Amino acid sequence: MYLIDDVTKMTGLTKRALRYYEEIGLILPPQRTKGNARIYSEEEVKKLRKVAEAKEVLGFSLQELQQFMSLKRMIEERSEQQGLSAKEITKIENLLENQIKMIEFKVVKMQAFKTELKEMRESAMEIHEKTKGEMKEWKDSIQITD
């Protein structure tokens, strides 16, 4: 079990973010000590790391993350209970398909940006090489006489 200070160090999230994620239902409220301090389990820390990664690396909005976490909880709860109805399965499949398409779209955008960055790097290297060559020619053309 981890106190909120430990969790902030482990996840890179702020205390304020953790409290806000709890407030909006992105994460379930953690257990509390007798002194009312939040304490997080290893599993909760893993989920928070995934949230931080999805937000930072993949650029998910909080609303998208809420939807994902809600679906995940529903699937976990239903698999432990009676299962899912055909209507629920169809809804989940559609929502997950939309999220997969969104990620695929973001991957395409990231690949395009990566290509642009590589092209910029190549241009910078070409300019450097050209400038270096021009400097050598200029130095060679200067005749120093005593």
C-alpha atoms as a PDB file:
ATOM      1  CA  MET A   1       0.000   0.000   0.000  1.00  0.00           C
ATOM      2  CA  TYR A   2       1.253   3.448  -0.937  1.00  0.00           C
ATOM      3  CA  LEU A   3       0.496   6.926   0.350  1.00  0.00           C
ATOM      4  CA  ILE A   4      -0.357   9.659  -2.140  1.00  0.00           C
ATOM      5  CA  ASP A   5       3.174  11.145  -1.967  1.00  0.00           C
ATOM      6  CA  ASP A   6       4.639   7.784  -2.993  1.00  0.00           C
ATOM      7  CA  VAL A   7       2.133   7.432  -5.826  1.00  0.00           C
ATOM      8  CA  THR A   8       2.977  10.858  -7.231  1.00  0.00           C
ATOM      9  CA  LYS A   9       6.642   9.860  -7.416  1.00  0.00           C
ATOM     10  CA  MET A  10       5.823   6.477  -8.970  1.00  0.00           C
ATOM     11  CA  THR A  11       3.441   7.798 -11.629  1.00  0.00           C
ATOM     12  CA  GLY A  12       4.581  11.351 -12.323  1.00  0.00           C
ATOM     13  CA  LEU A  13       1.077  12.587 -11.558  1.00  0.00           C
ATOM     14  CA  THR A  14       0.425  15.388  -9.097  1.00  0.00           C
ATOM     15  CA  LYS A  15      -1.660  15.062  -5.930  1.00  0.00           C
ATOM     16  CA  ARG A  16      -4.145  17.425  -7.500  1.00  0.00           C
ATOM     17  CA  ALA A  17      -4.424  15.211 -10.593  1.00  0.00           C
ATOM     18  CA  LEU A  18      -4.956  12.104  -8.466  1.00  0.00           C
ATOM     19  CA  ARG A  19      -7.715  13.797  -6.493  1.00  0.00           C
ATOM     20  CA  TYR A  20      -9.312  15.123  -9.664  1.00  0.00           C
ATOM     21  CA  TYR A  21      -9.206  11.703 -11.358  1.00  0.00           C
ATOM     22  CA  GLU A  22     -10.966  10.304  -8.313  1.00  0.00           C
ATOM     23  CA  GLU A  23     -13.522  13.144  -8.344  1.00  0.00           C
ATOM     24  CA  ILE A  24     -14.482  12.631 -11.996  1.00  0.00           C
ATOM     25  CA  GLY A  25     -14.619   8.853 -11.644  1.00  0.00           C
ATOM     26  CA  LEU A  26     -11.581   8.107 -13.763  1.00  0.00           C
ATOM     27  CA  ILE A  27     -10.273   6.034 -10.871  1.00  0.00           C
ATOM     28  CA  LEU A  28     -12.188   4.548  -7.987  1.00  0.00           C
ATOM     29  CA  PRO A  29     -11.694   6.198  -4.596  1.00  0.00           C
ATOM     30  CA  PRO A  30      -8.767   4.526  -2.844  1.00  0.00           C
ATOM     31  CA  GLN A  31      -8.904   3.122   0.652  1.00  0.00           C
ATOM     32  CA  ARG A  32      -8.269   5.492   3.530  1.00  0.00           C
ATOM     33  CA  THR A  33      -6.249   5.224   6.697  1.00  0.00           C
ATOM     34  CA  LYS A  34      -7.753   5.960  10.096  1.00  0.00           C
ATOM     35  CA  GLY A  35      -6.358   9.470   9.665  1.00  0.00           C
ATOM     36  CA  ASN A  36      -8.279   9.725   6.345  1.00  0.00           C
ATOM     37  CA  ALA A  37      -5.145   9.652   4.174  1.00  0.00           C
ATOM     38  CA  ARG A  38      -5.516   8.007   0.778  1.00  0.00           C
ATOM     39  CA  ILE A  39      -3.672   4.716   0.375  1.00  0.00           C
ATOM     40  CA  TYR A  40      -3.243   3.031  -2.993  1.00  0.00           C
ATOM     41  CA  SER A  41      -2.698  -0.637  -3.789  1.00  0.00           C
ATOM     42  CA  GLU A  42      -0.125  -1.899  -6.278  1.00  0.00           C
ATOM     43  CA  GLU A  43      -2.964  -2.559  -8.724  1.00  0.00           C
ATOM     44  CA  GLU A  44      -4.244   1.009  -8.398  1.00  0.00           C
ATOM     45  CA  VAL A  45      -0.720   2.343  -9.013  1.00  0.00           C
ATOM     46  CA  LYS A  46      -0.492   0.205 -12.175  1.00  0.00           C
ATOM     47  CA  LYS A  47      -3.795   1.636 -13.402  1.00  0.00           C
ATOM     48  CA  LEU A  48      -2.617   5.172 -12.665  1.00  0.00           C
ATOM     49  CA  ARG A  49       0.593   4.546 -14.625  1.00  0.00           C
ATOM     50  CA  LYS A  50      -1.507   3.401 -17.573  1.00  0.00           C
ATOM     51  CA  VAL A  51      -3.667   6.513 -17.290  1.00  0.00           C
ATOM     52  CA  ALA A  52      -0.594   8.760 -17.196  1.00  0.00           C
ATOM     53  CA  GLU A  53       0.950   6.951 -20.158  1.00  0.00           C
ATOM     54  CA  ALA A  54      -2.250   7.045 -22.205  1.00  0.00           C
ATOM     55  CA  LYS A  55      -2.653  10.738 -21.521  1.00  0.00           C
ATOM     56  CA  GLU A  56       0.977  11.726 -22.057  1.00  0.00           C
ATOM     57  CA  VAL A  57       2.152   9.386 -24.804  1.00  0.00           C
ATOM     58  CA  LEU A  58      -1.033   8.698 -26.718  1.00  0.00           C
ATOM     59  CA  GLY A  59      -2.639  12.082 -26.184  1.00  0.00           C
ATOM     60  CA  PHE A  60      -5.899  10.734 -24.819  1.00  0.00           C
ATOM     61  CA  SER A  61      -8.281  13.282 -23.378  1.00  0.00           C
ATOM     62  CA  LEU A  62      -9.688  12.764 -19.899  1.00  0.00           C
ATOM     63  CA  GLN A  63     -13.081  12.054 -21.425  1.00  0.00           C
ATOM     64  CA  GLU A  64     -11.597   9.315 -23.622  1.00  0.00           C
ATOM     65  CA  LEU A  65      -9.800   7.865 -20.616  1.00  0.00           C
ATOM     66  CA  GLN A  66     -13.006   7.943 -18.553  1.00  0.00           C
ATOM     67  CA  GLN A  67     -14.798   6.010 -21.261  1.00  0.00           C
ATOM     68  CA  PHE A  68     -12.000   3.459 -21.469  1.00  0.00           C
ATOM     69  CA  MET A  69     -11.799   2.973 -17.695  1.00  0.00           C
ATOM     70  CA  SER A  70     -15.578   2.700 -17.435  1.00  0.00           C
ATOM     71  CA  LEU A  71     -15.617  -0.014 -20.095  1.00  0.00           C
ATOM     72  CA  LYS A  72     -12.766  -1.842 -18.435  1.00  0.00           C
ATOM     73  CA  ARG A  73     -14.537  -1.788 -15.057  1.00  0.00           C
ATOM     74  CA  MET A  74     -17.790  -2.970 -16.608  1.00  0.00           C
ATOM     75  CA  ILE A  75     -16.066  -5.904 -18.326  1.00  0.00           C
ATOM     76  CA  GLU A  76     -14.189  -6.848 -15.147  1.00  0.00           C
ATOM     77  CA  GLU A  77     -17.316  -6.639 -12.986  1.00  0.00           C
ATOM     78  CA  ARG A  78     -19.486  -8.586 -15.420  1.00  0.00           C
ATOM     79  CA  SER A  79     -16.921 -11.319 -15.961  1.00  0.00           C
ATOM     80  CA  GLU A  80     -16.921 -11.903 -12.188  1.00  0.00           C
ATOM     81  CA  GLN A  81     -20.727 -11.883 -12.045  1.00  0.00           C
ATOM     82  CA  GLN A  82     -23.189 -13.186 -14.597  1.00  0.00           C
ATOM     83  CA  GLY A  83     -21.581 -12.113 -17.850  1.00  0.00           C
ATOM     84  CA  LEU A  84     -22.725  -9.650 -20.477  1.00  0.00           C
ATOM     85  CA  SER A  85     -25.949  -9.404 -22.404  1.00  0.00           C
ATOM     86  CA  ALA A  86     -25.890  -9.341 -26.203  1.00  0.00           C
ATOM     87  CA  LYS A  87     -26.820  -5.642 -26.111  1.00  0.00           C
ATOM     88  CA  GLU A  88     -23.938  -4.853 -23.727  1.00  0.00           C
ATOM     89  CA  ILE A  89     -21.478  -6.847 -25.835  1.00  0.00           C
ATOM     90  CA  THR A  90     -22.533  -4.966 -28.979  1.00  0.00           C
ATOM     91  CA  LYS A  91     -22.179  -1.616 -27.176  1.00  0.00           C
ATOM     92  CA  ILE A  92     -18.746  -2.555 -25.852  1.00  0.00           C
ATOM     93  CA  GLU A  93     -17.584  -3.813 -29.240  1.00  0.00           C
ATOM     94  CA  ASN A  94     -18.669  -0.558 -30.898  1.00  0.00           C
ATOM     95  CA  LEU A  95     -17.017   1.619 -28.269  1.00  0.00           C
ATOM     96  CA  LEU A  96     -13.793  -0.380 -28.406  1.00  0.00           C
ATOM     97  CA  GLU A  97     -13.787  -0.320 -32.199  1.00  0.00           C
ATOM     98  CA  ASN A  98     -14.102   3.476 -32.076  1.00  0.00           C
ATOM     99  CA  GLN A  99     -11.189   3.685 -29.654  1.00  0.00           C
ATOM    100  CA  ILE A 100      -9.072   1.400 -31.850  1.00  0.00           C
ATOM    101  CA  LYS A 101      -9.819   3.601 -34.875  1.00  0.00           C
ATOM    102  CA  MET A 102      -8.917   6.698 -32.864  1.00  0.00           C
ATOM    103  CA  ILE A 103      -5.571   5.163 -31.859  1.00  0.00           C
ATOM    104  CA  GLU A 104      -4.874   4.108 -35.449  1.00  0.00           C
ATOM    105  CA  PHE A 105      -5.594   7.686 -36.563  1.00  0.00           C
ATOM    106  CA  LYS A 106      -3.213   9.046 -33.925  1.00  0.00           C
ATOM    107  CA  VAL A 107      -0.513   6.560 -34.974  1.00  0.00           C
ATOM    108  CA  VAL A 108      -0.791   7.758 -38.587  1.00  0.00           C
ATOM    109  CA  LYS A 109      -0.510  11.382 -37.411  1.00  0.00           C
ATOM    110  CA  MET A 110       2.490  10.549 -35.224  1.00  0.00           C
ATOM    111  CA  GLN A 111       4.197   8.712 -38.087  1.00  0.00           C
ATOM    112  CA  ALA A 112       3.672  11.726 -40.355  1.00  0.00           C
ATOM    113  CA  PHE A 113       5.120  14.018 -37.690  1.00  0.00           C
ATOM    114  CA  LYS A 114       8.067  11.670 -37.204  1.00  0.00           C
ATOM    115  CA  THR A 115       8.733  11.713 -40.959  1.00  0.00           C
ATOM    116  CA  GLU A 116       8.630  15.513 -40.969  1.00  0.00           C
ATOM    117  CA  LEU A 117      11.086  15.662 -38.057  1.00  0.00           C
ATOM    118  CA  LYS A 118      13.465  13.299 -39.861  1.00  0.00           C
ATOM    119  CA  GLU A 119      13.275  15.448 -42.995  1.00  0.00           C
ATOM    120  CA  MET A 120      14.050  18.546 -40.935  1.00  0.00           C
ATOM    121  CA  ARG A 121      17.031  16.788 -39.378  1.00  0.00           C
ATOM    122  CA  GLU A 122      18.316  15.801 -42.833  1.00  0.00           C
ATOM    123  CA  SER A 123      17.930  19.403 -44.055  1.00  0.00           C
ATOM    124  CA  ALA A 124      19.823  20.703 -41.049  1.00  0.00           C
ATOM    125  CA  MET A 125      22.615  18.191 -41.645  1.00  0.00           C
ATOM    126  CA  GLU A 126      22.821  19.161 -45.338  1.00  0.00           C
ATOM    127  CA  ILE A 127      23.038  22.851 -44.417  1.00  0.00           C
ATOM    128  CA  HIS A 128      25.768  22.049 -41.917  1.00  0.00           C
ATOM    129  CA  GLU A 129      27.769  20.069 -44.479  1.00  0.00           C
ATOM    130  CA  LYS A 130      27.330  22.771 -47.129  1.00  0.00           C
ATOM    131  CA  THR A 131      28.354  25.513 -44.689  1.00  0.00           C
ATOM    132  CA  LYS A 132      31.355  23.478 -43.595  1.00  0.00           C
ATOM    133  CA  GLY A 133      32.414  23.064 -47.254  1.00  0.00           C
ATOM    134  CA  GLU A 134      31.968  26.761 -47.987  1.00  0.00           C
ATOM    135  CA  MET A 135      34.053  27.691 -44.934  1.00  0.00           C
ATOM    136  CA  LYS A 136      36.858  25.400 -46.135  1.00  0.00           C
ATOM    137  CA  GLU A 137      36.765  26.936 -49.619  1.00  0.00           C
ATOM    138  CA  TRP A 138      36.838  30.430 -48.090  1.00  0.00           C
ATOM    139  CA  LYS A 139      39.797  29.551 -45.841  1.00  0.00           C
ATOM    140  CA  ASP A 140      41.654  27.982 -48.790  1.00  0.00           C
ATOM    141  CA  SER A 141      41.078  31.078 -50.910  1.00  0.00           C
ATOM    142  CA  ILE A 142      42.624  33.414 -48.349  1.00  0.00           C
ATOM    143  CA  GLN A 143      46.317  33.871 -48.928  1.00  0.00           C
ATOM    144  CA  ILE A 144      48.164  34.976 -45.865  1.00  0.00           C
ATOM    145  CA  THR A 145      51.332  36.866 -46.680  1.00  0.00           C
ATOM    146  CA  ASP A 146      53.975  37.955 -44.301  1.00  0.00           C
END
